[in-house]
C-alpha cells in the first residue's frame, strides 16, 4: 500500500519511474487536468486573480468576479474579466506537455494495445446505435459544434478537464475531450429562457480591456492602446516569473482550435454597430465590445459554469461522449476480469481541492475500474504535498503521488517512459 501521509520531493524520481512503468504497461490512458496544468502555459489560476491590483483595489477575489449576476450588476467588470481571459487564452501557446501527452495517446492507439482502442470504439458505436443520444433535441441545441459522423469514437484515451481555455482542442480530437465546466469558446444568451442554445465565438475576435482597470468599455475603439503597454501594471507573476494576467509571456498560439469542428450556428454571436453619444458621423460608428445574442439581442455570456450559476447551458453532447466512453471501458474491464485484466493508467495533473470536480471523478473512476475487475493506477501530480492526504482511503493503494508542477513531471516521466 502506497504511503501518502509523509512523502517529500525526494520521492520525485522514484515515483516518476513508477508512473512511467504504469503508463507503459497500461491498455488505457485516462487524463484529468485542472488549473495547475494551464499554469505551466503562463495562464492564471484562481489565486492569481485576487492579486491583480485592479481587483485588489475593489476587494474582489475569483468567486466575486466569476458569477453570472455580475453581468447585470457591472457589465464593464464582467466583460473585463471574461474578455481578458478570452484574449489571454487565445493568445497563449499551449505548453509542450500537451504534445507529450498526445504522443502517449498515439502510443496506445498504434501499439499492441491498439486492439483495446478498437474494442472501446466499437463498444461506443454500439451504444450510440442503441440509444441514439445525439438525436435528442436538447442535446443538439446545446451543442456549439457537431462531431462529424465519419469521426471514430474515442479509443484507449480520453481527456477530462475542468479548464475552460479550450487548449486541448489544439491537440486532441473533439470526441476525446470533456470540459466539465464548459469553455471560453462557447457562449450562450444571458437569458436562460432564450432558445438560442450554445454558440461558438468567432475565430477572429478579441475584447478590448484596460489592463489598468480590468474594465471593458461597451464601445470598442478602433485601436487598443492598453492591451500591451499597461500589461505589466496589472499582471501577477508566479514564483517562476511567468506572467498571468494580460501578458502571458509565452509564444503565440500556432494552431488555435485546430480540432474543434466548425460552429453549428455561426451567426448567433453578434457585436452590433454602435454610434457614440453626441455624434452621427459615419466614421464614429464602431462595434460593441459587449457581445449579444443575435436571436433576442440580450447580452451573451460564456457557456462556462460560474459560482452561484443556475443558468449555465452545458454541452450535453460532450458529456454524453464521456459517459459512453467510460461505460465502454468498464464493460471491457468486466469482460476481461477472469482472463487478462484491463490495465488503466489515470494521470491527474494540477487538480486541487478548491474545485474538486476532477479529483472526485478520477477517484470515482478508480473505484469503478476496480469493481469491474480491472487494474488501475492513479498518478497524481500536484505541487502541494497537502493535496494527496485528501485521497479517499480505498483509493490510496492505487496512488502514485508526485509533488511537482505538471510540466516538470510530464517531461521526467516521458524521459523514463521512452527508456523502457
Protein backbone atom coordinates (compact mmCIF):
# COMPACT_ATOMS: atom_id res chain seq x y z
CA UNK A 1 0.00 0.00 0.00
CA UNK A 2 1.31 3.42 -1.03
CA UNK A 3 2.06 5.62 1.97
CA UNK A 4 0.82 9.13 1.15
CA UNK A 5 0.95 10.68 4.60
CA UNK A 6 4.62 11.64 4.61
CA UNK A 7 6.16 11.93 1.19
CA UNK A 8 8.67 14.53 0.09
CA UNK A 9 10.12 15.74 -3.18
CA UNK A 10 12.96 13.26 -2.64
CA UNK A 11 10.49 10.69 -3.99
CA UNK A 12 10.16 12.59 -7.28
CA UNK A 13 12.48 10.43 -9.37
CA UNK A 14 11.29 7.10 -7.99
CA UNK A 15 7.63 7.98 -8.30
CA UNK A 16 8.12 9.27 -11.84
CA UNK A 17 9.74 5.94 -12.64
CA UNK A 18 6.73 4.10 -11.21
CA UNK A 19 4.43 6.34 -13.23
CA UNK A 20 6.37 5.69 -16.45
CA UNK A 21 6.14 1.94 -15.87
CA UNK A 22 2.40 2.13 -15.19
CA UNK A 23 1.88 4.19 -18.35
CA UNK A 24 3.94 1.80 -20.48
CA UNK A 25 2.02 -1.24 -19.21
CA UNK A 26 -1.43 0.32 -19.44
CA UNK A 27 -4.04 -0.63 -22.04
CA UNK A 28 -5.99 2.57 -21.41
CA UNK A 29 -4.76 6.10 -20.66
CA UNK A 30 -7.20 8.49 -18.94
CA UNK A 31 -6.18 12.10 -18.32
CA UNK A 32 -7.63 14.52 -15.75
CA UNK A 33 -6.39 18.11 -15.70
CA UNK A 34 -7.13 21.17 -13.57
CA UNK A 35 -5.94 24.75 -13.33
CA UNK A 36 -2.43 23.69 -12.35
CA UNK A 37 -1.94 22.23 -15.80
CA UNK A 38 -2.79 25.50 -17.57
CA UNK A 39 -0.50 27.39 -15.20
CA UNK A 40 2.53 25.91 -17.00
CA UNK A 41 1.43 27.79 -20.12
CA UNK A 42 1.50 31.02 -18.11
CA UNK A 43 -2.24 31.25 -17.52
CA UNK A 44 -3.86 32.37 -14.29
CA UNK A 45 -5.04 30.04 -11.56
CA UNK A 46 -7.72 31.01 -9.06
CA UNK A 47 -5.40 32.65 -6.52
CA UNK A 48 -3.79 34.87 -9.17
CA UNK A 49 -6.98 36.85 -9.77
CA UNK A 50 -7.07 38.22 -6.22
CA UNK A 51 -3.53 39.56 -6.68
CA UNK A 52 -4.36 41.71 -9.72
CA UNK A 53 -4.13 45.35 -8.50
CA UNK A 54 -7.41 46.39 -10.12
CA UNK A 55 -9.25 43.62 -8.27
CA UNK A 56 -7.30 44.12 -5.06
CA UNK A 57 -8.38 47.76 -5.00
CA UNK A 58 -12.01 46.64 -5.13
CA UNK A 59 -11.50 43.86 -2.57
CA UNK A 60 -12.51 41.21 -5.12
CA UNK A 61 -11.38 37.61 -5.47
CA UNK A 62 -12.17 34.93 -8.04
CA UNK A 63 -15.51 33.93 -6.51
CA UNK A 64 -16.69 37.56 -6.52
CA UNK A 65 -15.97 38.02 -10.22
CA UNK A 66 -16.77 34.60 -11.62
CA UNK A 67 -20.54 34.76 -11.18
CA UNK A 68 -23.30 35.33 -13.75
CA UNK A 69 -25.07 38.12 -11.83
CA UNK A 70 -22.04 40.37 -12.35
CA UNK A 71 -23.19 40.85 -15.96
CA UNK A 72 -26.27 42.76 -14.82
CA UNK A 73 -24.58 44.38 -11.81
CA UNK A 74 -21.44 45.62 -13.58
CA UNK A 75 -21.11 44.62 -17.25
CA UNK A 76 -17.84 46.56 -17.66
CA UNK A 77 -16.26 44.44 -14.95
CA UNK A 78 -17.89 41.23 -16.21
CA UNK A 79 -16.62 41.63 -19.77
CA UNK A 80 -13.33 42.94 -18.49
CA UNK A 81 -12.73 39.70 -16.59
CA UNK A 82 -14.03 37.29 -19.22
CA UNK A 83 -12.70 39.38 -22.09
CA UNK A 84 -9.17 39.34 -20.66
CA UNK A 85 -9.44 35.58 -20.04
CA UNK A 86 -10.64 35.16 -23.63
CA UNK A 87 -7.74 37.22 -25.00
CA UNK A 88 -5.12 35.50 -22.84
CA UNK A 89 -6.35 32.03 -23.76
CA UNK A 90 -6.49 32.92 -27.45
CA UNK A 91 -3.01 34.49 -27.43
CA UNK A 92 -1.15 31.82 -25.46
CA UNK A 93 0.50 28.75 -26.93
CA UNK A 94 -0.22 25.51 -25.01
CA UNK A 95 2.98 24.30 -23.34
CA UNK A 96 4.99 21.34 -24.63
CA UNK A 97 3.35 18.97 -22.17
CA UNK A 98 0.33 18.81 -24.48
CA UNK A 99 2.47 17.35 -27.27
CA UNK A 100 3.97 14.78 -24.90
CA UNK A 101 0.51 13.69 -23.78
CA UNK A 102 -0.59 13.45 -27.40
CA UNK A 103 2.32 11.12 -28.16
CA UNK A 104 1.37 8.89 -25.21
CA UNK A 105 -2.15 8.77 -26.60
CA UNK A 106 -0.83 7.79 -30.05
CA UNK A 107 1.21 5.02 -28.47
CA UNK A 108 -1.95 3.49 -27.02
CA UNK A 109 -3.65 3.76 -30.38
CA UNK A 110 -0.91 2.19 -32.52
CA UNK A 111 0.91 -0.25 -30.22
CA UNK A 112 -0.12 -3.82 -29.45
CA UNK A 113 -2.84 -2.38 -27.22
CA UNK A 114 -4.45 -0.93 -30.33
CA UNK A 115 -6.89 -3.82 -30.18
CA UNK A 116 -8.18 -2.33 -26.92
CA UNK A 117 -8.68 1.03 -28.60
CA UNK A 118 -10.72 -0.64 -31.35
CA UNK A 119 -12.78 -2.59 -28.83
CA UNK A 120 -13.63 0.58 -26.89
CA UNK A 121 -14.55 2.47 -30.09
CA UNK A 122 -16.75 -0.43 -31.20
CA UNK A 123 -18.45 -0.53 -27.81
CA UNK A 124 -19.25 3.18 -28.01
CA UNK A 125 -20.59 2.81 -31.56
CA UNK A 126 -22.95 0.03 -30.43
CA UNK A 127 -24.26 2.11 -27.54
CA UNK A 128 -24.83 5.13 -29.80
CA UNK A 129 -26.76 2.98 -32.27
CA UNK A 130 -28.91 1.52 -29.50
CA UNK A 131 -29.64 4.70 -27.55
CA UNK A 132 -29.31 7.46 -30.19
CA UNK A 133 -28.41 10.11 -27.56
CA UNK A 134 -27.26 12.66 -30.13
CA UNK A 135 -30.65 12.72 -31.81
CA UNK A 136 -32.32 14.40 -28.84
CA UNK A 137 -33.40 17.99 -29.49
CA UNK A 138 -31.90 19.49 -26.32
CA UNK A 139 -28.57 17.73 -26.95
CA UNK A 140 -28.44 19.18 -30.46
CA UNK A 141 -29.44 22.67 -29.33
CA UNK A 142 -26.80 22.88 -26.61
CA UNK A 143 -24.00 21.65 -28.87
CA UNK A 144 -21.83 24.52 -30.23
CA UNK A 145 -20.46 22.18 -32.90
CA UNK A 146 -21.24 18.74 -34.31
CA UNK A 147 -18.71 15.93 -34.38
CA UNK A 148 -18.96 14.59 -37.96
CA UNK A 149 -20.49 11.10 -38.36
CA UNK A 150 -17.26 9.96 -40.06
CA UNK A 151 -15.24 10.62 -36.88
CA UNK A 152 -14.30 7.47 -34.97
CA UNK A 153 -15.33 7.35 -31.30
CA UNK A 154 -12.59 7.75 -28.71
CA UNK A 155 -10.44 4.66 -28.18
CA UNK A 156 -7.89 3.91 -25.46
CA UNK A 157 -7.55 7.58 -24.44
CA UNK A 158 -9.81 10.26 -23.01
CA UNK A 159 -9.25 13.72 -21.54
CA UNK A 160 -11.44 15.09 -18.74
CA UNK A 161 -10.64 18.69 -17.77
CA UNK A 162 -12.04 21.48 -15.63
CA UNK A 163 -10.02 24.05 -17.59
CA UNK A 164 -12.01 26.42 -19.76
CA UNK A 165 -9.19 27.62 -22.06
CA UNK A 166 -10.01 25.15 -24.90
CA UNK A 167 -6.32 24.38 -25.39
CA UNK A 168 -6.96 20.65 -25.66
CA UNK A 169 -8.77 21.30 -28.94
CA UNK A 170 -5.42 22.30 -30.46
CA UNK A 171 -4.08 18.80 -29.83
CA UNK A 172 -6.77 16.16 -29.27
CA UNK A 173 -9.91 15.24 -31.19
CA UNK A 174 -13.26 16.64 -30.08
CA UNK A 175 -14.61 13.16 -29.34
CA UNK A 176 -11.76 12.62 -26.83
CA UNK A 177 -12.45 15.73 -24.70
CA UNK A 178 -14.87 16.50 -21.91
CA UNK A 179 -14.66 20.05 -20.48
CA UNK A 180 -16.75 19.55 -17.37
CA UNK A 181 -17.13 23.30 -16.70
CA UNK A 182 -17.50 24.40 -20.34
CA UNK A 183 -15.02 26.52 -22.28
CA UNK A 184 -14.39 30.15 -23.22
CA UNK A 185 -15.04 29.46 -26.92
CA UNK A 186 -18.67 28.52 -26.22
CA UNK A 187 -21.18 31.26 -25.43
CA UNK A 188 -24.86 31.46 -24.59
CA UNK A 189 -27.53 34.09 -24.17
CA UNK A 190 -27.70 35.53 -20.65
CA UNK A 191 -31.45 34.92 -20.74
CA UNK A 192 -31.88 31.29 -19.62
CA UNK A 193 -35.20 31.09 -21.48
CA UNK A 194 -33.78 32.15 -24.83
CA UNK A 195 -33.90 29.23 -27.32
CA UNK A 196 -30.58 30.19 -28.93
CA UNK A 197 -28.69 27.32 -27.26
CA UNK A 198 -24.88 27.40 -27.21
CA UNK A 199 -22.78 29.01 -29.94
CA UNK A 200 -19.13 29.50 -30.85
CA UNK A 201 -17.22 32.76 -30.58
CA UNK A 202 -15.77 33.97 -33.92
CA UNK A 203 -12.19 32.93 -34.55
CA UNK A 204 -11.17 36.48 -35.44
CA UNK A 205 -12.26 38.36 -32.36
CA UNK A 206 -10.68 39.91 -29.29
CA UNK A 207 -12.05 42.04 -26.48
CA UNK A 208 -10.75 45.47 -25.63
CA UNK A 209 -9.89 45.56 -21.95
CA UNK A 210 -7.92 48.12 -19.98
CA UNK A 211 -5.34 46.15 -18.05
CA UNK A 212 -5.08 49.04 -15.58
CA UNK A 213 -8.73 48.94 -14.57
CA UNK A 214 -9.65 45.46 -15.90
CA UNK A 215 -12.78 47.04 -17.37
CA UNK A 216 -14.16 46.53 -20.86
CA UNK A 217 -16.00 49.61 -22.22
CA UNK A 218 -19.23 48.96 -24.12
CA UNK A 219 -17.97 50.81 -27.19
CA UNK A 220 -14.82 49.35 -28.72
CA UNK A 221 -12.43 51.88 -30.21
CA UNK A 222 -10.57 51.23 -33.44
CA UNK A 223 -7.39 50.50 -31.52
CA UNK A 224 -6.45 49.06 -28.13
CA UNK A 225 -3.69 51.12 -26.56
CA UNK A 226 -3.83 49.49 -23.14
CA UNK A 227 -3.67 45.82 -24.07
CA UNK A 228 0.10 45.55 -24.02
CA UNK A 229 1.55 48.82 -22.78
CA UNK A 230 -0.14 48.68 -19.38
CA UNK A 231 0.01 44.91 -19.01
CA UNK A 232 2.94 44.92 -16.62
CA UNK A 233 0.99 47.11 -14.21
CA UNK A 234 -1.83 44.58 -13.96
CA UNK A 235 -0.05 41.28 -14.25
CA UNK A 236 0.74 38.97 -11.43
CA UNK A 237 3.65 36.58 -11.55
CA UNK A 238 4.24 33.20 -10.01
CA UNK A 239 7.44 32.20 -8.34
CA UNK A 240 8.87 31.08 -11.67
CA UNK A 241 8.40 34.54 -13.18
CA UNK A 242 5.66 33.63 -15.64
CA UNK A 243 3.12 36.42 -16.07
CA UNK A 244 -0.53 35.51 -15.73
CA UNK A 245 -2.92 38.38 -16.44
CA UNK A 246 -2.77 40.42 -19.61
CA UNK A 247 0.72 39.40 -20.63
CA UNK A 248 1.27 35.65 -20.74
CA UNK A 249 4.89 35.84 -21.75
CA UNK A 250 4.88 32.74 -23.99
CA UNK A 251 4.73 32.32 -27.75
CA UNK A 252 1.50 32.94 -29.63
CA UNK A 253 -0.89 30.08 -30.22
CA UNK A 254 0.02 28.48 -33.54
CA UNK A 255 -2.95 26.17 -34.22
CA UNK A 256 -5.88 27.55 -32.24
CA UNK A 257 -8.82 25.15 -32.07
CA UNK A 258 -7.32 23.02 -34.83
CA UNK A 259 -9.53 20.03 -33.99
CA UNK A 260 -12.70 21.79 -32.87
CA UNK A 261 -15.37 21.25 -35.55
CA UNK A 262 -16.85 24.36 -37.20
CA UNK A 263 -19.67 26.17 -35.40
CA UNK A 264 -23.13 24.72 -35.83
CA UNK A 265 -24.76 28.18 -35.62
CA UNK A 266 -22.08 30.64 -36.85
CA UNK A 267 -24.35 33.71 -36.76
CA UNK A 268 -25.66 33.62 -33.19
CA UNK A 269 -22.80 35.79 -31.85
CA UNK A 270 -23.49 39.48 -32.50
CA UNK A 271 -21.45 42.65 -31.88
CA UNK A 272 -23.72 45.31 -33.38
CA UNK A 273 -22.58 48.69 -34.63
CA UNK A 274 -22.82 51.44 -32.02
CA UNK A 275 -22.88 55.21 -32.54
CA UNK A 276 -21.21 57.03 -29.64
CA UNK A 277 -23.40 59.54 -27.86
CA UNK A 278 -23.20 63.05 -29.29
CA UNK A 279 -22.17 62.24 -32.84
CA UNK A 280 -23.77 60.99 -36.01
CA UNK A 281 -20.63 60.81 -38.14
CA UNK A 282 -20.37 57.56 -40.04
CA UNK A 283 -16.70 57.19 -39.21
CA UNK A 284 -17.61 57.23 -35.50
CA UNK A 285 -19.83 54.16 -35.79
CA UNK A 286 -17.93 51.30 -34.14
CA UNK A 287 -18.69 47.83 -32.80
CA UNK A 288 -19.99 46.98 -29.39
CA UNK A 289 -17.43 45.39 -27.07
CA UNK A 290 -20.19 43.50 -25.27
CA UNK A 291 -21.40 40.58 -27.44
CA UNK A 292 -25.09 39.94 -27.78
CA UNK A 293 -27.29 37.03 -28.73
CA UNK A 294 -28.42 37.56 -32.30
CA UNK A 295 -31.68 35.74 -31.57
CA UNK A 296 -33.00 38.11 -28.87
CA UNK A 297 -30.33 40.86 -28.65
CA UNK A 298 -29.68 40.29 -24.95
CA UNK A 299 -26.10 40.17 -23.77
CA UNK A 300 -24.13 36.94 -24.24
CA UNK A 301 -22.04 35.24 -21.58
CA UNK A 302 -19.50 32.41 -21.70
CA UNK A 303 -21.08 28.96 -21.51
CA UNK A 304 -18.87 28.29 -18.50
CA UNK A 305 -20.02 27.11 -15.09
CA UNK A 306 -19.62 30.04 -12.70
CA UNK A 307 -20.26 30.34 -8.98
CA UNK A 308 -23.95 30.55 -7.97
CA UNK A 309 -24.80 29.65 -11.55
CA UNK A 310 -28.17 28.04 -12.25
CA UNK A 311 -28.28 29.31 -15.85
CA UNK A 312 -25.32 27.51 -17.38
CA UNK A 313 -26.08 25.63 -20.59
CA UNK A 314 -23.60 22.79 -20.69
CA UNK A 315 -22.57 20.99 -23.84
CA UNK A 316 -24.67 17.87 -23.23
CA UNK A 317 -23.23 16.07 -26.26
CA UNK A 318 -19.73 16.37 -24.81
CA UNK A 319 -20.95 14.91 -21.52
CA UNK A 320 -22.63 12.04 -23.38
CA UNK A 321 -19.39 11.18 -25.18
CA UNK A 322 -17.59 10.97 -21.82
CA UNK A 323 -20.31 8.74 -20.33
CA UNK A 324 -20.29 6.43 -23.35
CA UNK A 325 -16.50 6.09 -23.26
CA UNK A 326 -16.48 5.36 -19.54
CA UNK A 327 -19.19 2.72 -19.94
CA UNK A 328 -17.30 1.06 -22.80
CA UNK A 329 -14.09 0.90 -20.73
CA UNK A 330 -15.88 -0.56 -17.72
CA UNK A 331 -17.63 -3.11 -19.95
CA UNK A 332 -14.23 -4.21 -21.21
CA UNK A 333 -12.92 -4.44 -17.64
CA UNK A 334 -15.78 -6.80 -16.82
CA UNK A 335 -15.28 -8.91 -19.95
CA UNK A 336 -11.60 -9.44 -19.23
CA UNK A 337 -11.62 -9.79 -15.46
CA UNK A 338 -11.19 -13.59 -15.48
CA UNK A 339 -8.65 -13.66 -18.30
CA UNK A 340 -6.26 -10.76 -18.82
CA UNK A 341 -7.43 -7.84 -16.65
CA UNK A 342 -7.62 -4.48 -18.41
CA UNK A 343 -4.92 -2.11 -17.15
CA UNK A 344 -5.88 1.54 -16.80
CA UNK A 345 -3.47 4.38 -16.07
CA UNK A 346 -5.14 7.53 -14.77
CA UNK A 347 -2.99 10.66 -14.84
CA UNK A 348 -4.30 13.56 -12.77
CA UNK A 349 -2.44 16.87 -13.16
CA UNK A 350 -2.97 20.09 -11.23
CA UNK A 351 -6.37 19.13 -9.81
CA UNK A 352 -6.73 20.73 -6.41
CA UNK A 353 -9.38 20.73 -3.70
CA UNK A 354 -10.80 24.25 -4.24
CA UNK A 355 -12.90 22.99 -7.16
CA UNK A 356 -12.70 19.22 -6.71
CA UNK A 357 -14.68 18.06 -9.75
CA UNK A 358 -11.72 16.36 -11.45
CA UNK A 359 -10.38 14.96 -8.17
CA UNK A 360 -13.77 13.41 -7.37
CA UNK A 361 -14.20 11.98 -10.86
CA UNK A 362 -10.73 10.45 -11.00
CA UNK A 363 -11.21 8.73 -7.65
CA UNK A 364 -14.64 7.52 -8.74
CA UNK A 365 -13.09 6.02 -11.86
CA UNK A 366 -10.51 4.18 -9.72
CA UNK A 367 -13.32 2.56 -7.76
CA UNK A 368 -15.32 1.71 -10.88
CA UNK A 369 -12.41 0.06 -12.67
CA UNK A 370 -11.51 -1.94 -9.58
CA UNK A 371 -15.09 -3.07 -9.00
CA UNK A 372 -15.33 -4.30 -12.61
CA UNK A 373 -12.19 -6.42 -12.31
CA UNK A 374 -9.69 -4.09 -13.97
CA UNK A 375 -6.30 -2.97 -12.67
CA UNK A 376 -5.79 0.75 -12.16
CA UNK A 377 -3.02 3.14 -11.17
CA UNK A 378 -3.72 6.79 -10.29
CA UNK A 379 -0.75 9.09 -10.88
CA UNK A 380 -1.45 12.37 -9.08
CA UNK A 381 0.80 15.31 -9.98
CA UNK A 382 0.37 18.34 -7.74
CA UNK A 383 2.90 20.83 -6.35
CA UNK A 384 1.19 20.92 -2.95
CA UNK A 385 2.08 17.96 -0.71
CA UNK A 386 -1.04 18.52 1.35
CA UNK A 387 -3.23 17.70 -1.64
CA UNK A 388 -2.67 13.94 -1.57
CA UNK A 389 -3.75 13.27 2.04
CA UNK A 390 -7.23 14.26 0.78
CA UNK A 391 -7.29 10.97 -1.12
CA UNK A 392 -10.05 8.59 -0.10
CA UNK A 393 -8.82 5.56 1.84
CA UNK A 394 -9.97 2.97 -0.71
CA UNK A 395 -8.12 4.82 -3.50
CA UNK A 396 -4.73 5.08 -1.79
CA UNK A 397 -3.46 1.59 -2.69
CA UNK A 398 -3.63 2.64 -6.35
CA UNK A 399 -1.98 6.06 -5.89
CA UNK A 400 1.42 7.27 -7.08
CA UNK A 401 1.81 10.85 -5.74
CA UNK A 402 4.27 13.19 -7.45
CA UNK A 403 4.96 16.53 -5.76
CA UNK A 404 5.65 18.76 -8.74
CA UNK A 405 4.25 21.15 -11.27
CA UNK A 406 2.70 19.35 -14.18
CA UNK A 407 5.13 20.09 -17.00
CA UNK A 408 8.21 19.22 -14.96
CA UNK A 409 6.74 15.84 -14.01
CA UNK A 410 5.48 15.06 -17.53
CA UNK A 411 8.91 15.68 -19.03
CA UNK A 412 10.57 13.45 -16.45
CA UNK A 413 8.01 10.67 -16.87
CA UNK A 414 8.42 10.88 -20.65
CA UNK A 415 12.19 10.57 -20.37
CA UNK A 416 11.82 7.40 -18.28
CA UNK A 417 8.92 6.08 -20.37
CA UNK A 418 10.93 6.36 -23.58
CA UNK A 419 13.81 4.47 -21.97
CA UNK A 420 11.66 1.47 -21.04
